[in-house]
Amino acid sequence: MTTLGFFQNMGGGSIILIILVILLLFGAKRIPELARGLGRGIREFKDATKEIQEDLEEGLKDKKKKD
């Protein structure tokens, strides 16, 4: 079961209602700002994950060369 499994039970009307509530809370001008910030955060997270994975792979290669 996925973490976001509850989205399977949502219909089109529910999604539209959620979007309207978000518009009311943040306003139309703030939503692009929030989306850009979210995009930057996701990009930084992916870059950090990729960097850690490369470091681990490099460490494994170095260990195999020493053996």
N, C-alpha and C. Protein backbone atom coordinates (compact mmCIF):
# COMPACT_ATOMS: atom_id res chain seq x y z
N MET A 1 0.84 -1.18 0.00
CA MET A 1 0.00 0.00 0.00
C MET A 1 0.88 1.24 0.00
N THR A 2 0.55 2.18 -0.85
CA THR A 2 1.35 3.39 -0.95
C THR A 2 0.92 4.41 0.10
N THR A 3 1.80 5.35 0.34
CA THR A 3 1.50 6.40 1.31
C THR A 3 0.34 7.27 0.84
N LEU A 4 0.26 7.49 -0.46
CA LEU A 4 -0.79 8.34 -1.01
C LEU A 4 -1.94 7.53 -1.57
N GLY A 5 -2.22 6.40 -0.98
CA GLY A 5 -3.27 5.51 -1.45
C GLY A 5 -4.66 6.11 -1.36
N PHE A 6 -4.85 7.11 -0.49
CA PHE A 6 -6.17 7.71 -0.34
C PHE A 6 -6.59 8.48 -1.58
N PHE A 7 -5.66 8.81 -2.49
CA PHE A 7 -6.02 9.52 -3.72
C PHE A 7 -6.84 8.65 -4.65
N GLN A 8 -6.74 7.34 -4.49
CA GLN A 8 -7.50 6.44 -5.35
C GLN A 8 -9.00 6.58 -5.11
N ASN A 9 -9.38 6.94 -3.91
CA ASN A 9 -10.80 7.04 -3.58
C ASN A 9 -11.39 8.42 -3.87
N MET A 10 -10.58 9.34 -4.37
CA MET A 10 -11.05 10.70 -4.61
C MET A 10 -11.60 10.83 -6.02
N GLY A 11 -12.72 11.51 -6.12
CA GLY A 11 -13.31 11.76 -7.42
C GLY A 11 -12.92 13.13 -7.93
N GLY A 12 -13.40 13.47 -9.10
CA GLY A 12 -13.11 14.77 -9.71
C GLY A 12 -13.64 15.93 -8.89
N GLY A 13 -14.82 15.76 -8.32
CA GLY A 13 -15.41 16.83 -7.51
C GLY A 13 -14.59 17.13 -6.27
N SER A 14 -14.05 16.10 -5.65
CA SER A 14 -13.23 16.29 -4.45
C SER A 14 -11.94 17.04 -4.77
N ILE A 15 -11.35 16.70 -5.89
CA ILE A 15 -10.10 17.36 -6.29
C ILE A 15 -10.36 18.83 -6.59
N ILE A 16 -11.45 19.12 -7.28
CA ILE A 16 -11.79 20.52 -7.58
C ILE A 16 -12.05 21.29 -6.30
N LEU A 17 -12.72 20.68 -5.34
CA LEU A 17 -12.97 21.34 -4.06
C LEU A 17 -11.66 21.65 -3.33
N ILE A 18 -10.73 20.72 -3.34
CA ILE A 18 -9.43 20.94 -2.70
C ILE A 18 -8.69 22.08 -3.38
N ILE A 19 -8.72 22.12 -4.70
CA ILE A 19 -8.05 23.20 -5.44
C ILE A 19 -8.67 24.55 -5.10
N LEU A 20 -9.98 24.61 -5.00
CA LEU A 20 -10.66 25.86 -4.64
C LEU A 20 -10.28 26.32 -3.23
N VAL A 21 -10.19 25.40 -2.30
CA VAL A 21 -9.80 25.73 -0.93
C VAL A 21 -8.37 26.28 -0.91
N ILE A 22 -7.49 25.66 -1.67
CA ILE A 22 -6.11 26.15 -1.74
C ILE A 22 -6.07 27.55 -2.33
N LEU A 23 -6.86 27.79 -3.37
CA LEU A 23 -6.93 29.13 -3.96
C LEU A 23 -7.41 30.15 -2.95
N LEU A 24 -8.41 29.80 -2.17
CA LEU A 24 -8.94 30.72 -1.17
C LEU A 24 -7.93 30.99 -0.06
N LEU A 25 -7.20 29.98 0.36
CA LEU A 25 -6.25 30.15 1.45
C LEU A 25 -5.03 30.96 1.03
N PHE A 26 -4.47 30.67 -0.13
CA PHE A 26 -3.21 31.29 -0.52
C PHE A 26 -3.36 32.41 -1.53
N GLY A 27 -4.41 32.41 -2.30
CA GLY A 27 -4.58 33.42 -3.33
C GLY A 27 -3.87 33.01 -4.61
N ALA A 28 -4.34 33.55 -5.72
CA ALA A 28 -3.82 33.16 -7.03
C ALA A 28 -2.38 33.63 -7.24
N LYS A 29 -2.00 34.73 -6.61
CA LYS A 29 -0.65 35.26 -6.81
C LYS A 29 0.40 34.44 -6.07
N ARG A 30 0.04 33.83 -4.96
CA ARG A 30 1.01 33.10 -4.14
C ARG A 30 1.24 31.67 -4.62
N ILE A 31 0.31 31.10 -5.34
CA ILE A 31 0.43 29.70 -5.75
C ILE A 31 1.64 29.45 -6.66
N PRO A 32 1.91 30.28 -7.68
CA PRO A 32 3.13 30.04 -8.47
C PRO A 32 4.41 30.14 -7.62
N GLU A 33 4.41 31.06 -6.67
CA GLU A 33 5.55 31.20 -5.76
C GLU A 33 5.76 29.91 -4.96
N LEU A 34 4.68 29.38 -4.43
CA LEU A 34 4.75 28.15 -3.66
C LEU A 34 5.20 26.98 -4.53
N ALA A 35 4.72 26.93 -5.76
CA ALA A 35 5.10 25.84 -6.67
C ALA A 35 6.58 25.92 -7.02
N ARG A 36 7.09 27.14 -7.25
CA ARG A 36 8.52 27.29 -7.53
C ARG A 36 9.36 26.83 -6.35
N GLY A 37 8.96 27.23 -5.16
CA GLY A 37 9.68 26.81 -3.96
C GLY A 37 9.66 25.31 -3.78
N LEU A 38 8.52 24.71 -4.02
CA LEU A 38 8.41 23.25 -3.93
C LEU A 38 9.29 22.57 -4.97
N GLY A 39 9.30 23.10 -6.19
CA GLY A 39 10.13 22.55 -7.25
C GLY A 39 11.61 22.63 -6.91
N ARG A 40 12.03 23.76 -6.36
CA ARG A 40 13.44 23.92 -5.95
C ARG A 40 13.79 22.92 -4.86
N GLY A 41 12.90 22.75 -3.90
CA GLY A 41 13.15 21.81 -2.82
C GLY A 41 13.27 20.39 -3.32
N ILE A 42 12.40 19.99 -4.22
CA ILE A 42 12.45 18.65 -4.78
C ILE A 42 13.73 18.45 -5.58
N ARG A 43 14.12 19.47 -6.35
CA ARG A 43 15.35 19.38 -7.14
C ARG A 43 16.57 19.23 -6.23
N GLU A 44 16.64 20.02 -5.17
CA GLU A 44 17.75 19.93 -4.23
C GLU A 44 17.80 18.56 -3.56
N PHE A 45 16.64 18.03 -3.22
CA PHE A 45 16.57 16.71 -2.60
C PHE A 45 17.09 15.64 -3.56
N LYS A 46 16.67 15.71 -4.83
CA LYS A 46 17.12 14.73 -5.81
C LYS A 46 18.63 14.83 -6.02
N ASP A 47 19.15 16.06 -6.11
CA ASP A 47 20.59 16.26 -6.28
C ASP A 47 21.36 15.69 -5.11
N ALA A 48 20.88 15.93 -3.90
CA ALA A 48 21.56 15.43 -2.71
C ALA A 48 21.53 13.90 -2.69
N THR A 49 20.40 13.32 -3.05
CA THR A 49 20.27 11.86 -3.09
C THR A 49 21.22 11.27 -4.12
N LYS A 50 21.30 11.91 -5.29
CA LYS A 50 22.18 11.43 -6.35
C LYS A 50 23.65 11.54 -5.90
N GLU A 51 24.00 12.61 -5.24
CA GLU A 51 25.37 12.81 -4.76
C GLU A 51 25.75 11.73 -3.73
N ILE A 52 24.84 11.44 -2.82
CA ILE A 52 25.10 10.40 -1.81
C ILE A 52 25.27 9.05 -2.47
N GLN A 53 24.42 8.75 -3.45
CA GLN A 53 24.50 7.48 -4.15
C GLN A 53 25.84 7.36 -4.88
N GLU A 54 26.29 8.44 -5.53
CA GLU A 54 27.58 8.42 -6.23
C GLU A 54 28.72 8.22 -5.25
N ASP A 55 28.66 8.87 -4.09
CA ASP A 55 29.69 8.70 -3.07
C ASP A 55 29.76 7.25 -2.58
N LEU A 56 28.60 6.64 -2.37
CA LEU A 56 28.57 5.25 -1.93
C LEU A 56 29.14 4.31 -2.99
N GLU A 57 28.77 4.54 -4.25
CA GLU A 57 29.28 3.70 -5.32
C GLU A 57 30.79 3.86 -5.46
N GLU A 58 31.27 5.09 -5.33
CA GLU A 58 32.71 5.35 -5.41
C GLU A 58 33.44 4.66 -4.26
N GLY A 59 32.86 4.70 -3.07
CA GLY A 59 33.46 4.03 -1.93
C GLY A 59 33.53 2.53 -2.12
N LEU A 60 32.49 1.93 -2.71
CA LEU A 60 32.50 0.50 -2.98
C LEU A 60 33.57 0.13 -4.00
N LYS A 61 33.72 0.97 -5.03
CA LYS A 61 34.74 0.72 -6.04
C LYS A 61 36.13 0.79 -5.44
N ASP A 62 36.37 1.78 -4.56
CA ASP A 62 37.66 1.93 -3.90
C ASP A 62 37.95 0.73 -3.01
N LYS A 63 36.95 0.23 -2.32
CA LYS A 63 37.12 -0.92 -1.44
C LYS A 63 37.48 -2.16 -2.23
N LYS A 64 36.83 -2.35 -3.40
CA LYS A 64 37.12 -3.51 -4.23
C LYS A 64 38.54 -3.44 -4.80
N LYS A 65 39.03 -2.23 -5.10
CA LYS A 65 40.38 -2.08 -5.63
C LYS A 65 41.42 -2.42 -4.56
N LYS A 66 41.14 -2.12 -3.30
CA LYS A 66 42.06 -2.38 -2.20
C LYS A 66 42.16 -3.88 -1.91
N ASP A 67 41.06 -4.61 -2.16
CA ASP A 67 41.04 -6.06 -1.86
C ASP A 67 41.76 -6.79 -2.92
